[in-house]
Amino acid sequence: LSNSTFIVGSNVGLAKSSSINLGNSAYVKINENVKIGPNSIISADTSNILIESGTTFFSDCNLSGEITIGKSCLFAKNVSVFSSTHKIDGNISIRQNGAFEPH
């Protein structure tokens, strides 16, 4: 993570069960007054993620890849925003992460 950048503005709220995953050369900037709800994941492998001020994510939201979110946006529960990387948990693609596995 030596080449990664993570910038957080004032009054940002991140639920304990949420996570922010940075890969090598990632850039993530979360501006002021952003709220991130429970079980949400923000992942930047080698990409840039910018979240402008006043935005709120309810629970179980996922962001991954090259993404810019504008000011004062409101994301309902279970909303996912992906660009070309499609990775939400480490090196596993979204297809693998949510794949059906028969018993």
C-alpha atoms as a PDB file:
ATOM      1  CA  LEU A   1       0.000   0.000   0.000  1.00  0.00           C
ATOM      2  CA  SER A   2       3.011   2.274  -0.123  1.00  0.00           C
ATOM      3  CA  ASN A   3       1.771   3.922  -3.330  1.00  0.00           C
ATOM      4  CA  SER A   4      -1.867   4.285  -2.192  1.00  0.00           C
ATOM      5  CA  THR A   5      -3.526   7.509  -1.079  1.00  0.00           C
ATOM      6  CA  PHE A   6      -6.504   7.698   1.307  1.00  0.00           C
ATOM      7  CA  ILE A   7      -7.943  11.121   2.163  1.00  0.00           C
ATOM      8  CA  VAL A   8     -10.888  11.608   4.544  1.00  0.00           C
ATOM      9  CA  GLY A   9     -12.680  14.885   5.158  1.00  0.00           C
ATOM     10  CA  SER A  10     -14.229  16.058   8.402  1.00  0.00           C
ATOM     11  CA  ASN A  11     -17.388  14.565   9.890  1.00  0.00           C
ATOM     12  CA  VAL A  12     -17.216  11.312   7.886  1.00  0.00           C
ATOM     13  CA  GLY A  13     -19.099   8.376   9.407  1.00  0.00           C
ATOM     14  CA  LEU A  14     -18.139   4.769   8.636  1.00  0.00           C
ATOM     15  CA  ALA A  15     -20.115   1.921  10.221  1.00  0.00           C
ATOM     16  CA  LYS A  16     -17.976  -0.618  12.112  1.00  0.00           C
ATOM     17  CA  SER A  17     -19.029  -3.457   9.804  1.00  0.00           C
ATOM     18  CA  SER A  18     -18.054  -1.542   6.644  1.00  0.00           C
ATOM     19  CA  SER A  19     -14.651  -1.644   4.988  1.00  0.00           C
ATOM     20  CA  ILE A  20     -12.411   0.331   2.677  1.00  0.00           C
ATOM     21  CA  ASN A  21      -9.973  -1.796   0.673  1.00  0.00           C
ATOM     22  CA  LEU A  22      -6.991  -0.189  -1.016  1.00  0.00           C
ATOM     23  CA  GLY A  23      -4.735  -1.946  -3.488  1.00  0.00           C
ATOM     24  CA  ASN A  24      -1.368  -0.770  -4.717  1.00  0.00           C
ATOM     25  CA  SER A  25      -1.543   2.665  -6.400  1.00  0.00           C
ATOM     26  CA  ALA A  26      -5.150   3.257  -5.319  1.00  0.00           C
ATOM     27  CA  TYR A  27      -6.473   6.762  -4.658  1.00  0.00           C
ATOM     28  CA  VAL A  28      -9.576   7.192  -2.487  1.00  0.00           C
ATOM     29  CA  LYS A  29     -10.891  10.569  -1.355  1.00  0.00           C
ATOM     30  CA  ILE A  30     -13.987  10.879   0.813  1.00  0.00           C
ATOM     31  CA  ASN A  31     -15.007  14.491   1.330  1.00  0.00           C
ATOM     32  CA  GLU A  32     -16.721  15.964   4.399  1.00  0.00           C
ATOM     33  CA  ASN A  33     -20.100  14.912   5.790  1.00  0.00           C
ATOM     34  CA  VAL A  34     -20.202  11.530   4.021  1.00  0.00           C
ATOM     35  CA  LYS A  35     -21.975   8.661   5.821  1.00  0.00           C
ATOM     36  CA  ILE A  36     -21.293   5.010   4.960  1.00  0.00           C
ATOM     37  CA  GLY A  37     -23.740   2.483   6.386  1.00  0.00           C
ATOM     38  CA  PRO A  38     -23.265  -1.048   7.760  1.00  0.00           C
ATOM     39  CA  ASN A  39     -21.797  -3.830   5.625  1.00  0.00           C
ATOM     40  CA  SER A  40     -20.769  -1.457   2.843  1.00  0.00           C
ATOM     41  CA  ILE A  41     -17.537  -1.985   0.914  1.00  0.00           C
ATOM     42  CA  ILE A  42     -15.409   0.534  -0.970  1.00  0.00           C
ATOM     43  CA  SER A  43     -12.659  -1.092  -3.027  1.00  0.00           C
ATOM     44  CA  ALA A  44      -9.980   0.551  -5.115  1.00  0.00           C
ATOM     45  CA  ASP A  45      -7.380  -1.780  -6.572  1.00  0.00           C
ATOM     46  CA  THR A  46      -5.330   0.514  -8.823  1.00  0.00           C
ATOM     47  CA  SER A  47      -8.191   2.936  -9.428  1.00  0.00           C
ATOM     48  CA  ASN A  48      -9.477   6.289  -8.175  1.00  0.00           C
ATOM     49  CA  ILE A  49     -12.621   6.711  -6.095  1.00  0.00           C
ATOM     50  CA  LEU A  50     -13.917  10.181  -5.239  1.00  0.00           C
ATOM     51  CA  ILE A  51     -16.980  10.682  -3.032  1.00  0.00           C
ATOM     52  CA  GLU A  52     -18.102  14.301  -2.827  1.00  0.00           C
ATOM     53  CA  SER A  53     -19.439  15.966   0.327  1.00  0.00           C
ATOM     54  CA  GLY A  54     -22.829  15.242   1.864  1.00  0.00           C
ATOM     55  CA  THR A  55     -23.315  11.828   0.243  1.00  0.00           C
ATOM     56  CA  THR A  56     -24.966   9.009   2.213  1.00  0.00           C
ATOM     57  CA  PHE A  57     -24.807   5.253   1.617  1.00  0.00           C
ATOM     58  CA  PHE A  58     -27.299   3.079   3.463  1.00  0.00           C
ATOM     59  CA  SER A  59     -26.360  -0.500   4.365  1.00  0.00           C
ATOM     60  CA  ASP A  60     -24.853  -3.133   2.062  1.00  0.00           C
ATOM     61  CA  CYS A  61     -23.570  -0.763  -0.634  1.00  0.00           C
ATOM     62  CA  ASN A  62     -20.557  -1.667  -2.791  1.00  0.00           C
ATOM     63  CA  LEU A  63     -18.275   0.610  -4.788  1.00  0.00           C
ATOM     64  CA  SER A  64     -15.411  -0.721  -6.856  1.00  0.00           C
ATOM     65  CA  GLY A  65     -13.219   0.606  -9.631  1.00  0.00           C
ATOM     66  CA  GLU A  66     -12.874   4.040 -11.223  1.00  0.00           C
ATOM     67  CA  ILE A  67     -15.785   5.984  -9.680  1.00  0.00           C
ATOM     68  CA  THR A  68     -16.775   9.583  -8.951  1.00  0.00           C
ATOM     69  CA  ILE A  69     -19.878  10.242  -6.829  1.00  0.00           C
ATOM     70  CA  GLY A  70     -21.255  13.792  -6.802  1.00  0.00           C
ATOM     71  CA  LYS A  71     -22.343  16.002  -3.899  1.00  0.00           C
ATOM     72  CA  SER A  72     -25.283  15.153  -1.642  1.00  0.00           C
ATOM     73  CA  CYS A  73     -26.153  11.853  -3.344  1.00  0.00           C
ATOM     74  CA  LEU A  74     -28.293   9.325  -1.510  1.00  0.00           C
ATOM     75  CA  PHE A  75     -27.807   5.581  -2.073  1.00  0.00           C
ATOM     76  CA  ALA A  76     -30.484   3.158  -0.878  1.00  0.00           C
ATOM     77  CA  LYS A  77     -29.720  -0.203   0.712  1.00  0.00           C
ATOM     78  CA  ASN A  78     -28.024  -2.832  -1.513  1.00  0.00           C
ATOM     79  CA  VAL A  79     -26.841  -0.446  -4.238  1.00  0.00           C
ATOM     80  CA  SER A  80     -23.670  -1.433  -6.109  1.00  0.00           C
ATOM     81  CA  VAL A  81     -21.586   0.785  -8.375  1.00  0.00           C
ATOM     82  CA  PHE A  82     -18.826  -0.927 -10.351  1.00  0.00           C
ATOM     83  CA  SER A  83     -16.554   0.106 -13.157  1.00  0.00           C
ATOM     84  CA  SER A  84     -14.249  -2.213 -15.065  1.00  0.00           C
ATOM     85  CA  THR A  85     -12.521  -3.895 -12.119  1.00  0.00           C
ATOM     86  CA  HIS A  86     -15.524  -5.775 -10.677  1.00  0.00           C
ATOM     87  CA  LYS A  87     -13.611  -6.590  -7.483  1.00  0.00           C
ATOM     88  CA  ILE A  88     -15.263  -6.118  -4.101  1.00  0.00           C
ATOM     89  CA  ASP A  89     -13.200  -8.304  -1.810  1.00  0.00           C
ATOM     90  CA  GLY A  90      -9.472  -8.623  -2.472  1.00  0.00           C
ATOM     91  CA  ASN A  91      -8.575 -10.436  -5.686  1.00  0.00           C
ATOM     92  CA  ILE A  92     -11.905 -12.222  -6.087  1.00  0.00           C
ATOM     93  CA  SER A  93     -14.119 -10.993  -8.924  1.00  0.00           C
ATOM     94  CA  ILE A  94     -17.773 -10.179  -8.286  1.00  0.00           C
ATOM     95  CA  ARG A  95     -18.745 -13.286 -10.269  1.00  0.00           C
ATOM     96  CA  GLN A  96     -16.712 -15.465  -7.914  1.00  0.00           C
ATOM     97  CA  ASN A  97     -17.712 -13.577  -4.767  1.00  0.00           C
ATOM     98  CA  GLY A  98     -21.455 -13.991  -5.287  1.00  0.00           C
ATOM     99  CA  ALA A  99     -21.408 -17.249  -7.242  1.00  0.00           C
ATOM    100  CA  PHE A 100     -23.854 -19.997  -6.422  1.00  0.00           C
ATOM    101  CA  GLU A 101     -22.160 -23.024  -4.911  1.00  0.00           C
ATOM    102  CA  PRO A 102     -24.214 -26.236  -4.817  1.00  0.00           C
ATOM    103  CA  HIS A 103     -24.130 -28.259  -1.603  1.00  0.00           C
END
